[in-house]
Amino acid sequence: LAKKYHPDTNKDDPKAKEKFSQLAEAYEVLSDEVKRKQYDAYGTASFDAGAAGAGAGRQYWSTGPSIDPEELFRKIFGEFSGSPFGDFQNVFDQPQEYIMELTFTQAAKGVNKEIVVNINDSCERCDGKGHEPGTKVQRCHYCSGTGMETINTGPFVMRSTCRRCGGRGSIITTPCVVCRGTGQTKQKKKVMVPVPAGVEDGQTVRMPVGKKEIFITFRVQKSSVFRRNGADIHSDLLISIAQAVLGGTARCQGLYETINIAIPPGIQPDQRIRMSGKGIPKVNSYGYGDHYIHIKIKVPQRLTDRQRALMMSYAEDETDVDGTVNGVTNTASGER
């Protein structure tokens, strides 16, 4: 209502300022305990300037609110935006946040992992009702069991949560000895979290726990084998000089199983071999990413006499080498 009747949004309505002032007056009555009781006892007459002296011990206020209407607008849409009245406590609990550590494989393939959470949940003794088992509650006479207070001010009818019963419509006469009438207790619970395949480091998901919600942020450990780029994964494969020159096969660790790789003759260092569909499931999509295998050539540190002789023989036949090879003598024409 404050936003609806604000003069700035109703420049063509000459009565907007008056309506906004009346709304401020209604807010002032609702948010002031003394004025609220006065209204409950005598109605709007107790706020009329001309009604003075109508009864011993009665107090009257002048017409019009003491709160600035602009201050009302600021309270409703400013720092108290979570509640229609700044004096009332926000009844919605802030969701709790948790960190879950995952290995690279768990994040890529998905996993069901348990986590311990602290939440306010229904009291087990009273089943969330707030009163001792076997006892009854009384109907709230302050709001006639509706759970809401109503005040009429000019053209406005404003309703707010009953302060006597907290909106329940009933009064607890014998509070639960465990939760003290709140119906809620702080509990530690083990919750199984179904981690979806393909989650990334730092990603946060929301999960219901009982009547509440929690936020879980994933921290994914680095892998000593795989590197990730979206749904694609990358890894290195060491092969021998003979495999690189002559070709052959090699075994490579995959995300789901060991993969047999066909190596073509003459493969070069850092050349990539693509394994289609062997990557991570695509989040919010269909299919899988790819697994890219980067070839690394393993140069032996030690050679047998036969291996050295064969390498020297090969070096003598090489024609596309810039520079020299230890142990191989070039002729005057540059030939070996």
C-alpha atoms as a PDB file:
ATOM      1  CA  LEU A   1       0.000   0.000   0.000  1.00  0.00           C
ATOM      2  CA  ALA A   2       2.812   2.417   0.830  1.00  0.00           C
ATOM      3  CA  LYS A   3       4.260   1.917  -2.623  1.00  0.00           C
ATOM      4  CA  LYS A   4       0.830   2.043  -4.282  1.00  0.00           C
ATOM      5  CA  TYR A   5      -0.179   5.369  -2.724  1.00  0.00           C
ATOM      6  CA  HIS A   6       3.206   7.087  -2.682  1.00  0.00           C
ATOM      7  CA  PRO A   7       2.780  10.620  -4.120  1.00  0.00           C
ATOM      8  CA  ASP A   8       5.703  10.149  -6.506  1.00  0.00           C
ATOM      9  CA  THR A   9       3.941   7.227  -8.213  1.00  0.00           C
ATOM     10  CA  ASN A  10       0.534   8.964  -8.230  1.00  0.00           C
ATOM     11  CA  LYS A  11       1.332  12.456  -9.460  1.00  0.00           C
ATOM     12  CA  ASP A  12      -2.059  12.715 -11.201  1.00  0.00           C
ATOM     13  CA  ASP A  13      -4.026  11.854  -8.048  1.00  0.00           C
ATOM     14  CA  PRO A  14      -4.585  14.968  -5.875  1.00  0.00           C
ATOM     15  CA  LYS A  15      -5.638  12.752  -2.952  1.00  0.00           C
ATOM     16  CA  ALA A  16      -2.511  10.566  -3.050  1.00  0.00           C
ATOM     17  CA  LYS A  17      -0.720  12.629  -0.411  1.00  0.00           C
ATOM     18  CA  GLU A  18      -3.728  12.438   1.930  1.00  0.00           C
ATOM     19  CA  LYS A  19      -4.068   8.678   1.459  1.00  0.00           C
ATOM     20  CA  PHE A  20      -0.369   8.192   2.059  1.00  0.00           C
ATOM     21  CA  SER A  21      -0.620  10.211   5.279  1.00  0.00           C
ATOM     22  CA  GLN A  22      -3.554   8.081   6.440  1.00  0.00           C
ATOM     23  CA  LEU A  23      -1.542   4.955   5.752  1.00  0.00           C
ATOM     24  CA  ALA A  24       1.287   6.328   7.884  1.00  0.00           C
ATOM     25  CA  GLU A  25      -1.203   6.930  10.689  1.00  0.00           C
ATOM     26  CA  ALA A  26      -2.389   3.325  10.485  1.00  0.00           C
ATOM     27  CA  TYR A  27       1.185   2.103  10.626  1.00  0.00           C
ATOM     28  CA  GLU A  28       1.856   4.236  13.683  1.00  0.00           C
ATOM     29  CA  VAL A  29      -1.128   2.772  15.544  1.00  0.00           C
ATOM     30  CA  LEU A  30      -0.204  -0.810  14.678  1.00  0.00           C
ATOM     31  CA  SER A  31       3.431  -0.441  15.643  1.00  0.00           C
ATOM     32  CA  ASP A  32       2.824   1.409  18.950  1.00  0.00           C
ATOM     33  CA  GLU A  33       1.671  -0.809  21.819  1.00  0.00           C
ATOM     34  CA  VAL A  34      -0.043   1.978  23.783  1.00  0.00           C
ATOM     35  CA  LYS A  35      -1.892   3.384  20.770  1.00  0.00           C
ATOM     36  CA  ARG A  36      -2.856  -0.132  19.671  1.00  0.00           C
ATOM     37  CA  LYS A  37      -4.493  -0.797  23.053  1.00  0.00           C
ATOM     38  CA  GLN A  38      -6.228   2.575  22.890  1.00  0.00           C
ATOM     39  CA  TYR A  39      -7.625   1.664  19.474  1.00  0.00           C
ATOM     40  CA  ASP A  40      -8.740  -1.762  20.710  1.00  0.00           C
ATOM     41  CA  ALA A  41     -10.624  -0.118  23.567  1.00  0.00           C
ATOM     42  CA  TYR A  42     -12.187   2.930  21.884  1.00  0.00           C
ATOM     43  CA  GLY A  43     -11.692   2.577  18.117  1.00  0.00           C
ATOM     44  CA  THR A  44     -10.858   5.518  15.875  1.00  0.00           C
ATOM     45  CA  ALA A  45     -12.682   7.899  18.198  1.00  0.00           C
ATOM     46  CA  SER A  46      -9.728   7.850  20.570  1.00  0.00           C
ATOM     47  CA  PHE A  47      -7.632   9.568  17.895  1.00  0.00           C
ATOM     48  CA  ASP A  48     -10.057  12.386  17.107  1.00  0.00           C
ATOM     49  CA  ALA A  49      -8.952  15.801  18.240  1.00  0.00           C
ATOM     50  CA  GLY A  50     -12.542  16.827  19.063  1.00  0.00           C
ATOM     51  CA  ALA A  51     -13.215  13.893  21.367  1.00  0.00           C
ATOM     52  CA  ALA A  52     -11.177  15.201  24.326  1.00  0.00           C
ATOM     53  CA  GLY A  53     -12.763  14.923  27.758  1.00  0.00           C
ATOM     54  CA  ALA A  54     -15.025  12.028  26.826  1.00  0.00           C
ATOM     55  CA  GLY A  55     -13.984   9.920  29.788  1.00  0.00           C
ATOM     56  CA  ALA A  56     -11.841   9.980  32.886  1.00  0.00           C
ATOM     57  CA  GLY A  57      -8.344   8.649  32.472  1.00  0.00           C
ATOM     58  CA  ARG A  58      -8.550   8.453  28.679  1.00  0.00           C
ATOM     59  CA  GLN A  59      -5.700   9.851  26.601  1.00  0.00           C
ATOM     60  CA  TYR A  60      -6.145  11.388  23.132  1.00  0.00           C
ATOM     61  CA  TRP A  61      -3.860  12.224  20.278  1.00  0.00           C
ATOM     62  CA  SER A  62      -4.184  14.918  17.683  1.00  0.00           C
ATOM     63  CA  THR A  63      -5.308  13.992  14.198  1.00  0.00           C
ATOM     64  CA  GLY A  64      -2.531  12.864  11.861  1.00  0.00           C
ATOM     65  CA  PRO A  65       0.485  10.641  12.328  1.00  0.00           C
ATOM     66  CA  SER A  66       3.585  11.672  14.231  1.00  0.00           C
ATOM     67  CA  ILE A  67       5.739   9.561  11.906  1.00  0.00           C
ATOM     68  CA  ASP A  68       6.847  11.117   8.646  1.00  0.00           C
ATOM     69  CA  PRO A  69       5.094   9.324   5.739  1.00  0.00           C
ATOM     70  CA  GLU A  70       8.416   9.226   3.878  1.00  0.00           C
ATOM     71  CA  GLU A  71       9.960   7.523   6.909  1.00  0.00           C
ATOM     72  CA  LEU A  72       7.217   4.898   6.653  1.00  0.00           C
ATOM     73  CA  PHE A  73       8.084   4.264   3.009  1.00  0.00           C
ATOM     74  CA  ARG A  74      11.763   3.938   3.886  1.00  0.00           C
ATOM     75  CA  LYS A  75      11.020   1.483   6.690  1.00  0.00           C
ATOM     76  CA  ILE A  76       8.832  -0.728   4.540  1.00  0.00           C
ATOM     77  CA  PHE A  77      11.072  -0.789   1.447  1.00  0.00           C
ATOM     78  CA  GLY A  78      14.410  -0.044   3.090  1.00  0.00           C
ATOM     79  CA  GLU A  79      16.178  -1.911   5.834  1.00  0.00           C
ATOM     80  CA  PHE A  80      12.919  -3.617   6.937  1.00  0.00           C
ATOM     81  CA  SER A  81      12.000  -4.902   3.495  1.00  0.00           C
ATOM     82  CA  GLY A  82      11.792  -8.467   4.783  1.00  0.00           C
ATOM     83  CA  SER A  83       8.799  -7.640   7.024  1.00  0.00           C
ATOM     84  CA  PRO A  84       5.755  -5.419   6.540  1.00  0.00           C
ATOM     85  CA  PHE A  85       6.524  -3.726   9.877  1.00  0.00           C
ATOM     86  CA  GLY A  86       9.981  -2.982  11.182  1.00  0.00           C
ATOM     87  CA  ASP A  87       9.004  -3.772  14.773  1.00  0.00           C
ATOM     88  CA  PHE A  88       8.046  -7.357  13.967  1.00  0.00           C
ATOM     89  CA  GLN A  89      10.690 -10.038  13.854  1.00  0.00           C
ATOM     90  CA  ASN A  90      11.351 -11.684  10.535  1.00  0.00           C
ATOM     91  CA  VAL A  91       9.862 -15.157  10.819  1.00  0.00           C
ATOM     92  CA  PHE A  92      11.874 -16.658   7.977  1.00  0.00           C
ATOM     93  CA  ASP A  93      15.181 -18.233   8.996  1.00  0.00           C
ATOM     94  CA  GLN A  94      18.144 -17.651   6.757  1.00  0.00           C
ATOM     95  CA  PRO A  95      19.186 -20.892   4.987  1.00  0.00           C
ATOM     96  CA  GLN A  96      22.398 -22.385   6.342  1.00  0.00           C
ATOM     97  CA  GLU A  97      25.415 -22.891   4.109  1.00  0.00           C
ATOM     98  CA  TYR A  98      27.702 -25.921   4.092  1.00  0.00           C
ATOM     99  CA  ILE A  99      30.899 -26.878   2.286  1.00  0.00           C
ATOM    100  CA  MET A 100      31.259 -30.369   0.819  1.00  0.00           C
ATOM    101  CA  GLU A 101      34.651 -31.698  -0.295  1.00  0.00           C
ATOM    102  CA  LEU A 102      34.641 -33.888  -3.404  1.00  0.00           C
ATOM    103  CA  THR A 103      37.321 -35.741  -5.297  1.00  0.00           C
ATOM    104  CA  PHE A 104      37.657 -35.047  -9.010  1.00  0.00           C
ATOM    105  CA  THR A 105      36.058 -38.403  -9.838  1.00  0.00           C
ATOM    106  CA  GLN A 106      33.142 -37.895  -7.421  1.00  0.00           C
ATOM    107  CA  ALA A 107      32.345 -34.511  -8.971  1.00  0.00           C
ATOM    108  CA  ALA A 108      32.648 -35.856 -12.511  1.00  0.00           C
ATOM    109  CA  LYS A 109      30.651 -39.044 -12.077  1.00  0.00           C
ATOM    110  CA  GLY A 110      28.273 -38.019  -9.289  1.00  0.00           C
ATOM    111  CA  VAL A 111      27.988 -39.593  -5.849  1.00  0.00           C
ATOM    112  CA  ASN A 112      25.671 -39.921  -2.850  1.00  0.00           C
ATOM    113  CA  LYS A 113      27.530 -38.383   0.079  1.00  0.00           C
ATOM    114  CA  GLU A 114      26.463 -37.900   3.670  1.00  0.00           C
ATOM    115  CA  ILE A 115      26.680 -34.584   5.500  1.00  0.00           C
ATOM    116  CA  VAL A 116      25.820 -33.590   9.090  1.00  0.00           C
ATOM    117  CA  VAL A 117      23.679 -30.439   9.359  1.00  0.00           C
ATOM    118  CA  ASN A 118      22.390 -28.345  12.259  1.00  0.00           C
ATOM    119  CA  ILE A 119      18.823 -27.213  11.613  1.00  0.00           C
ATOM    120  CA  ASN A 120      15.771 -26.042  13.507  1.00  0.00           C
ATOM    121  CA  ASP A 121      13.188 -28.742  12.940  1.00  0.00           C
ATOM    122  CA  SER A 122       9.922 -29.886  14.461  1.00  0.00           C
ATOM    123  CA  CYS A 123      10.254 -30.806  18.119  1.00  0.00           C
ATOM    124  CA  GLU A 124      10.111 -34.583  18.434  1.00  0.00           C
ATOM    125  CA  ARG A 125       8.410 -34.469  21.846  1.00  0.00           C
ATOM    126  CA  CYS A 126       5.414 -32.324  20.862  1.00  0.00           C
ATOM    127  CA  ASP A 127       5.547 -33.027  17.098  1.00  0.00           C
ATOM    128  CA  GLY A 128       5.992 -29.316  16.439  1.00  0.00           C
ATOM    129  CA  LYS A 129       2.760 -28.303  18.171  1.00  0.00           C
ATOM    130  CA  GLY A 130       4.471 -26.421  21.000  1.00  0.00           C
ATOM    131  CA  HIS A 131       2.384 -27.790  23.870  1.00  0.00           C
ATOM    132  CA  GLU A 132       2.902 -30.801  26.102  1.00  0.00           C
ATOM    133  CA  PRO A 133       1.495 -34.052  24.709  1.00  0.00           C
ATOM    134  CA  GLY A 134      -1.978 -34.715  26.137  1.00  0.00           C
ATOM    135  CA  THR A 135      -2.726 -31.026  26.774  1.00  0.00           C
ATOM    136  CA  LYS A 136      -4.921 -28.655  24.784  1.00  0.00           C
ATOM    137  CA  VAL A 137      -4.584 -25.085  23.580  1.00  0.00           C
ATOM    138  CA  GLN A 138      -7.017 -22.216  24.053  1.00  0.00           C
ATOM    139  CA  ARG A 139      -8.528 -20.076  21.328  1.00  0.00           C
ATOM    140  CA  CYS A 140      -6.885 -16.652  21.146  1.00  0.00           C
ATOM    141  CA  HIS A 141      -9.482 -14.052  22.190  1.00  0.00           C
ATOM    142  CA  TYR A 142      -7.297 -11.172  21.054  1.00  0.00           C
ATOM    143  CA  CYS A 143      -7.726 -12.064  17.363  1.00  0.00           C
ATOM    144  CA  SER A 144     -10.781 -14.349  17.734  1.00  0.00           C
ATOM    145  CA  GLY A 145      -8.729 -17.283  16.520  1.00  0.00           C
ATOM    146  CA  THR A 146      -7.872 -15.747  13.143  1.00  0.00           C
ATOM    147  CA  GLY A 147      -4.217 -15.118  13.901  1.00  0.00           C
ATOM    148  CA  MET A 148      -4.493 -11.623  12.430  1.00  0.00           C
ATOM    149  CA  GLU A 149      -5.143  -8.166  13.856  1.00  0.00           C
ATOM    150  CA  THR A 150      -7.228  -5.719  11.853  1.00  0.00           C
ATOM    151  CA  ILE A 151      -7.320  -1.915  11.985  1.00  0.00           C
ATOM    152  CA  ASN A 152      -9.486   0.443   9.951  1.00  0.00           C
ATOM    153  CA  THR A 153      -8.124   3.915   9.188  1.00  0.00           C
ATOM    154  CA  GLY A 154      -9.957   6.002   6.645  1.00  0.00           C
ATOM    155  CA  PRO A 155     -10.170   4.110   3.355  1.00  0.00           C
ATOM    156  CA  PHE A 156      -7.605   1.513   4.466  1.00  0.00           C
ATOM    157  CA  VAL A 157      -7.986  -1.837   6.174  1.00  0.00           C
ATOM    158  CA  MET A 158      -4.654  -3.112   7.462  1.00  0.00           C
ATOM    159  CA  ARG A 159      -3.966  -6.563   8.800  1.00  0.00           C
ATOM    160  CA  SER A 160      -0.958  -7.748  10.745  1.00  0.00           C
ATOM    161  CA  THR A 161       0.086 -10.877  12.610  1.00  0.00           C
ATOM    162  CA  CYS A 162      -1.531 -11.144  16.028  1.00  0.00           C
ATOM    163  CA  ARG A 163       1.013 -10.199  18.674  1.00  0.00           C
ATOM    164  CA  ARG A 164      -0.694 -12.261  21.349  1.00  0.00           C
ATOM    165  CA  CYS A 165      -0.653 -15.654  19.637  1.00  0.00           C
ATOM    166  CA  GLY A 166       2.015 -15.000  16.979  1.00  0.00           C
ATOM    167  CA  GLY A 167      -0.432 -15.787  14.177  1.00  0.00           C
ATOM    168  CA  ARG A 168      -1.373 -19.273  15.410  1.00  0.00           C
ATOM    169  CA  GLY A 169      -4.912 -18.329  16.455  1.00  0.00           C
ATOM    170  CA  SER A 170      -4.507 -20.215  19.728  1.00  0.00           C
ATOM    171  CA  ILE A 171      -2.725 -19.796  23.069  1.00  0.00           C
ATOM    172  CA  ILE A 172      -0.489 -22.486  24.551  1.00  0.00           C
ATOM    173  CA  THR A 173      -1.214 -22.869  28.278  1.00  0.00           C
ATOM    174  CA  THR A 174       1.156 -25.801  28.893  1.00  0.00           C
ATOM    175  CA  PRO A 175       4.314 -25.285  26.817  1.00  0.00           C
ATOM    176  CA  CYS A 176       6.400 -28.274  25.775  1.00  0.00           C
ATOM    177  CA  VAL A 177       9.228 -28.776  28.242  1.00  0.00           C
ATOM    178  CA  VAL A 178      11.722 -29.441  25.443  1.00  0.00           C
ATOM    179  CA  CYS A 179      11.035 -26.662  22.937  1.00  0.00           C
ATOM    180  CA  ARG A 180       9.372 -24.280  25.469  1.00  0.00           C
ATOM    181  CA  GLY A 181       6.399 -23.712  23.250  1.00  0.00           C
ATOM    182  CA  THR A 182       8.225 -22.858  20.029  1.00  0.00           C
ATOM    183  CA  GLY A 183       7.581 -26.223  18.371  1.00  0.00           C
ATOM    184  CA  GLN A 184      11.155 -26.128  17.064  1.00  0.00           C
ATOM    185  CA  THR A 185      14.448 -27.511  18.377  1.00  0.00           C
ATOM    186  CA  LYS A 186      17.977 -27.325  17.032  1.00  0.00           C
ATOM    187  CA  GLN A 187      18.918 -30.775  15.816  1.00  0.00           C
ATOM    188  CA  LYS A 188      21.902 -32.509  14.251  1.00  0.00           C
ATOM    189  CA  LYS A 189      20.867 -34.595  11.298  1.00  0.00           C
ATOM    190  CA  LYS A 190      22.694 -36.792   8.838  1.00  0.00           C
ATOM    191  CA  VAL A 191      21.530 -35.982   5.344  1.00  0.00           C
ATOM    192  CA  MET A 192      22.353 -37.931   2.185  1.00  0.00           C
ATOM    193  CA  VAL A 193      23.208 -35.474  -0.572  1.00  0.00           C
ATOM    194  CA  PRO A 194      22.748 -36.763  -4.150  1.00  0.00           C
ATOM    195  CA  VAL A 195      25.640 -34.955  -5.837  1.00  0.00           C
ATOM    196  CA  PRO A 196      24.797 -34.683  -9.542  1.00  0.00           C
ATOM    197  CA  ALA A 197      27.383 -35.728 -12.103  1.00  0.00           C
ATOM    198  CA  GLY A 198      29.335 -32.868 -13.595  1.00  0.00           C
ATOM    199  CA  VAL A 199      29.288 -30.384 -10.696  1.00  0.00           C
ATOM    200  CA  GLU A 200      32.132 -27.871 -10.760  1.00  0.00           C
ATOM    201  CA  ASP A 201      34.321 -26.390  -8.058  1.00  0.00           C
ATOM    202  CA  GLY A 202      32.507 -23.559  -6.258  1.00  0.00           C
ATOM    203  CA  GLN A 203      29.063 -24.546  -7.544  1.00  0.00           C
ATOM    204  CA  THR A 204      26.232 -24.162  -5.003  1.00  0.00           C
ATOM    205  CA  VAL A 205      23.007 -26.167  -4.876  1.00  0.00           C
ATOM    206  CA  ARG A 206      19.893 -25.747  -2.723  1.00  0.00           C
ATOM    207  CA  MET A 207      18.472 -28.763  -0.929  1.00  0.00           C
ATOM    208  CA  PRO A 208      15.353 -29.156   1.249  1.00  0.00           C
ATOM    209  CA  VAL A 209      15.896 -30.648   4.699  1.00  0.00           C
ATOM    210  CA  GLY A 210      12.627 -31.178   6.538  1.00  0.00           C
ATOM    211  CA  LYS A 211      10.709 -27.907   6.336  1.00  0.00           C
ATOM    212  CA  LYS A 212      13.884 -25.891   5.807  1.00  0.00           C
ATOM    213  CA  GLU A 213      16.430 -25.468   3.031  1.00  0.00           C
ATOM    214  CA  ILE A 214      20.206 -25.549   3.094  1.00  0.00           C
ATOM    215  CA  PHE A 215      22.812 -24.424   0.582  1.00  0.00           C
ATOM    216  CA  ILE A 216      25.732 -26.722  -0.248  1.00  0.00           C
ATOM    217  CA  THR A 217      28.849 -25.405  -1.982  1.00  0.00           C
ATOM    218  CA  PHE A 218      31.144 -28.005  -3.555  1.00  0.00           C
ATOM    219  CA  ARG A 219      34.918 -27.871  -3.290  1.00  0.00           C
ATOM    220  CA  VAL A 220      36.438 -30.184  -5.915  1.00  0.00           C
ATOM    221  CA  GLN A 221      39.973 -31.456  -5.374  1.00  0.00           C
ATOM    222  CA  LYS A 222      42.475 -31.388  -8.227  1.00  0.00           C
ATOM    223  CA  SER A 223      43.281 -34.679  -9.933  1.00  0.00           C
ATOM    224  CA  SER A 224      46.806 -35.953 -10.470  1.00  0.00           C
ATOM    225  CA  VAL A 225      45.670 -37.512 -13.763  1.00  0.00           C
ATOM    226  CA  PHE A 226      42.898 -35.394 -15.284  1.00  0.00           C
ATOM    227  CA  ARG A 227      42.404 -31.739 -16.129  1.00  0.00           C
ATOM    228  CA  ARG A 228      38.947 -30.328 -16.776  1.00  0.00           C
ATOM    229  CA  ASN A 229      37.614 -27.866 -19.309  1.00  0.00           C
ATOM    230  CA  GLY A 230      33.837 -27.764 -19.040  1.00  0.00           C
ATOM    231  CA  ALA A 231      32.551 -31.242 -19.871  1.00  0.00           C
ATOM    232  CA  ASP A 232      35.880 -32.213 -21.532  1.00  0.00           C
ATOM    233  CA  ILE A 233      38.772 -33.797 -19.679  1.00  0.00           C
ATOM    234  CA  HIS A 234      42.452 -33.878 -20.617  1.00  0.00           C
ATOM    235  CA  SER A 235      45.248 -36.227 -19.605  1.00  0.00           C
ATOM    236  CA  ASP A 236      48.806 -37.078 -20.696  1.00  0.00           C
ATOM    237  CA  LEU A 237      50.070 -40.379 -22.128  1.00  0.00           C
ATOM    238  CA  LEU A 238      53.753 -41.321 -22.100  1.00  0.00           C
ATOM    239  CA  ILE A 239      54.919 -43.469 -25.026  1.00  0.00           C
ATOM    240  CA  SER A 240      58.351 -44.732 -26.064  1.00  0.00           C
ATOM    241  CA  ILE A 241      60.447 -43.495 -28.977  1.00  0.00           C
ATOM    242  CA  ALA A 242      59.778 -46.764 -30.833  1.00  0.00           C
ATOM    243  CA  GLN A 243      56.013 -46.364 -30.341  1.00  0.00           C
ATOM    244  CA  ALA A 244      56.177 -42.796 -31.599  1.00  0.00           C
ATOM    245  CA  VAL A 245      58.149 -43.749 -34.701  1.00  0.00           C
ATOM    246  CA  LEU A 246      56.625 -47.104 -35.564  1.00  0.00           C
ATOM    247  CA  GLY A 247      53.157 -46.762 -34.029  1.00  0.00           C
ATOM    248  CA  GLY A 248      51.413 -49.325 -31.868  1.00  0.00           C
ATOM    249  CA  THR A 249      48.975 -49.388 -28.933  1.00  0.00           C
ATOM    250  CA  ALA A 250      49.029 -48.091 -25.384  1.00  0.00           C
ATOM    251  CA  ARG A 251      46.776 -48.239 -22.323  1.00  0.00           C
ATOM    252  CA  CYS A 252      45.433 -45.005 -20.867  1.00  0.00           C
ATOM    253  CA  GLN A 253      43.477 -44.371 -17.659  1.00  0.00           C
ATOM    254  CA  GLY A 254      39.995 -43.107 -18.482  1.00  0.00           C
ATOM    255  CA  LEU A 255      37.359 -41.568 -16.272  1.00  0.00           C
ATOM    256  CA  TYR A 256      35.197 -44.690 -16.355  1.00  0.00           C
ATOM    257  CA  GLU A 257      37.554 -47.462 -17.475  1.00  0.00           C
ATOM    258  CA  THR A 258      40.987 -48.187 -18.876  1.00  0.00           C
ATOM    259  CA  ILE A 259      41.184 -47.241 -22.564  1.00  0.00           C
ATOM    260  CA  ASN A 260      43.248 -48.944 -25.264  1.00  0.00           C
ATOM    261  CA  ILE A 261      44.753 -46.285 -27.522  1.00  0.00           C
ATOM    262  CA  ALA A 262      45.858 -46.888 -31.131  1.00  0.00           C
ATOM    263  CA  ILE A 263      49.023 -44.877 -31.799  1.00  0.00           C
ATOM    264  CA  PRO A 264      49.602 -43.972 -35.444  1.00  0.00           C
ATOM    265  CA  PRO A 265      53.204 -44.151 -36.805  1.00  0.00           C
ATOM    266  CA  GLY A 266      55.082 -40.867 -36.655  1.00  0.00           C
ATOM    267  CA  ILE A 267      52.948 -39.282 -33.936  1.00  0.00           C
ATOM    268  CA  GLN A 268      54.410 -36.041 -32.628  1.00  0.00           C
ATOM    269  CA  PRO A 269      54.916 -34.784 -29.061  1.00  0.00           C
ATOM    270  CA  ASP A 270      51.839 -32.961 -27.645  1.00  0.00           C
ATOM    271  CA  GLN A 271      49.677 -34.283 -30.448  1.00  0.00           C
ATOM    272  CA  ARG A 272      46.145 -34.945 -29.170  1.00  0.00           C
ATOM    273  CA  ILE A 273      44.032 -38.046 -29.556  1.00  0.00           C
ATOM    274  CA  ARG A 274      40.313 -37.477 -29.033  1.00  0.00           C
ATOM    275  CA  MET A 275      38.139 -40.085 -27.366  1.00  0.00           C
ATOM    276  CA  SER A 276      34.582 -38.988 -28.182  1.00  0.00           C
ATOM    277  CA  GLY A 277      31.979 -39.207 -25.403  1.00  0.00           C
ATOM    278  CA  LYS A 278      34.478 -40.305 -22.739  1.00  0.00           C
ATOM    279  CA  GLY A 279      34.325 -37.057 -20.774  1.00  0.00           C
ATOM    280  CA  ILE A 280      32.007 -35.645 -18.096  1.00  0.00           C
ATOM    281  CA  PRO A 281      28.188 -35.601 -18.380  1.00  0.00           C
ATOM    282  CA  LYS A 282      27.006 -32.229 -19.640  1.00  0.00           C
ATOM    283  CA  VAL A 283      25.116 -30.330 -16.944  1.00  0.00           C
ATOM    284  CA  ASN A 284      21.643 -29.115 -18.005  1.00  0.00           C
ATOM    285  CA  SER A 285      22.110 -30.820 -21.352  1.00  0.00           C
ATOM    286  CA  TYR A 286      22.417 -34.209 -22.989  1.00  0.00           C
ATOM    287  CA  GLY A 287      25.452 -36.339 -23.752  1.00  0.00           C
ATOM    288  CA  TYR A 288      29.016 -36.358 -22.525  1.00  0.00           C
ATOM    289  CA  GLY A 289      32.115 -34.342 -23.161  1.00  0.00           C
ATOM    290  CA  ASP A 290      35.269 -35.768 -24.760  1.00  0.00           C
ATOM    291  CA  HIS A 291      38.533 -37.110 -23.370  1.00  0.00           C
ATOM    292  CA  TYR A 292      41.600 -35.547 -24.997  1.00  0.00           C
ATOM    293  CA  ILE A 293      44.845 -37.518 -24.615  1.00  0.00           C
ATOM    294  CA  HIS A 294      48.054 -35.514 -24.998  1.00  0.00           C
ATOM    295  CA  ILE A 295      51.007 -37.542 -26.266  1.00  0.00           C
ATOM    296  CA  LYS A 296      54.287 -37.237 -24.393  1.00  0.00           C
ATOM    297  CA  ILE A 297      57.390 -39.087 -25.675  1.00  0.00           C
ATOM    298  CA  LYS A 298      59.512 -40.726 -23.025  1.00  0.00           C
ATOM    299  CA  VAL A 299      63.252 -40.340 -23.760  1.00  0.00           C
ATOM    300  CA  PRO A 300      65.342 -43.079 -22.092  1.00  0.00           C
ATOM    301  CA  GLN A 301      68.050 -41.923 -19.685  1.00  0.00           C
ATOM    302  CA  ARG A 302      70.147 -45.086 -20.078  1.00  0.00           C
ATOM    303  CA  LEU A 303      70.845 -47.298 -23.132  1.00  0.00           C
ATOM    304  CA  THR A 304      72.325 -50.758 -23.526  1.00  0.00           C
ATOM    305  CA  ASP A 305      75.325 -51.139 -25.841  1.00  0.00           C
ATOM    306  CA  ARG A 306      73.070 -52.585 -28.531  1.00  0.00           C
ATOM    307  CA  GLN A 307      70.558 -49.753 -28.198  1.00  0.00           C
ATOM    308  CA  ARG A 308      73.336 -47.179 -28.387  1.00  0.00           C
ATOM    309  CA  ALA A 309      74.820 -48.840 -31.496  1.00  0.00           C
ATOM    310  CA  LEU A 310      71.411 -48.898 -33.180  1.00  0.00           C
ATOM    311  CA  MET A 311      70.823 -45.229 -32.317  1.00  0.00           C
ATOM    312  CA  MET A 312      74.247 -44.296 -33.710  1.00  0.00           C
ATOM    313  CA  SER A 313      73.462 -46.179 -36.898  1.00  0.00           C
ATOM    314  CA  TYR A 314      70.139 -44.384 -37.175  1.00  0.00           C
ATOM    315  CA  ALA A 315      71.797 -41.007 -36.499  1.00  0.00           C
ATOM    316  CA  GLU A 316      74.321 -41.603 -39.296  1.00  0.00           C
ATOM    317  CA  ASP A 317      71.448 -42.032 -41.748  1.00  0.00           C
ATOM    318  CA  GLU A 318      69.548 -38.921 -40.626  1.00  0.00           C
ATOM    319  CA  THR A 319      69.510 -36.086 -43.171  1.00  0.00           C
ATOM    320  CA  ASP A 320      67.145 -33.512 -41.655  1.00  0.00           C
ATOM    321  CA  VAL A 321      69.013 -32.688 -38.436  1.00  0.00           C
ATOM    322  CA  ASP A 322      70.095 -29.135 -37.652  1.00  0.00           C
ATOM    323  CA  GLY A 323      73.338 -29.178 -35.687  1.00  0.00           C
ATOM    324  CA  THR A 324      75.283 -32.244 -34.610  1.00  0.00           C
ATOM    325  CA  VAL A 325      74.804 -35.538 -32.792  1.00  0.00           C
ATOM    326  CA  ASN A 326      77.352 -36.636 -30.193  1.00  0.00           C
ATOM    327  CA  GLY A 327      79.535 -39.446 -31.529  1.00  0.00           C
ATOM    328  CA  VAL A 328      78.610 -38.894 -35.185  1.00  0.00           C
ATOM    329  CA  THR A 329      81.259 -37.200 -37.365  1.00  0.00           C
ATOM    330  CA  ASN A 330      80.235 -35.029 -40.310  1.00  0.00           C
ATOM    331  CA  THR A 331      82.314 -35.007 -43.535  1.00  0.00           C
ATOM    332  CA  ALA A 332      83.575 -31.831 -45.184  1.00  0.00           C
ATOM    333  CA  SER A 333      80.475 -31.789 -47.403  1.00  0.00           C
ATOM    334  CA  GLY A 334      78.266 -32.036 -44.312  1.00  0.00           C
ATOM    335  CA  GLU A 335      77.442 -35.683 -44.867  1.00  0.00           C
ATOM    336  CA  ARG A 336      77.908 -38.195 -42.082  1.00  0.00           C
END
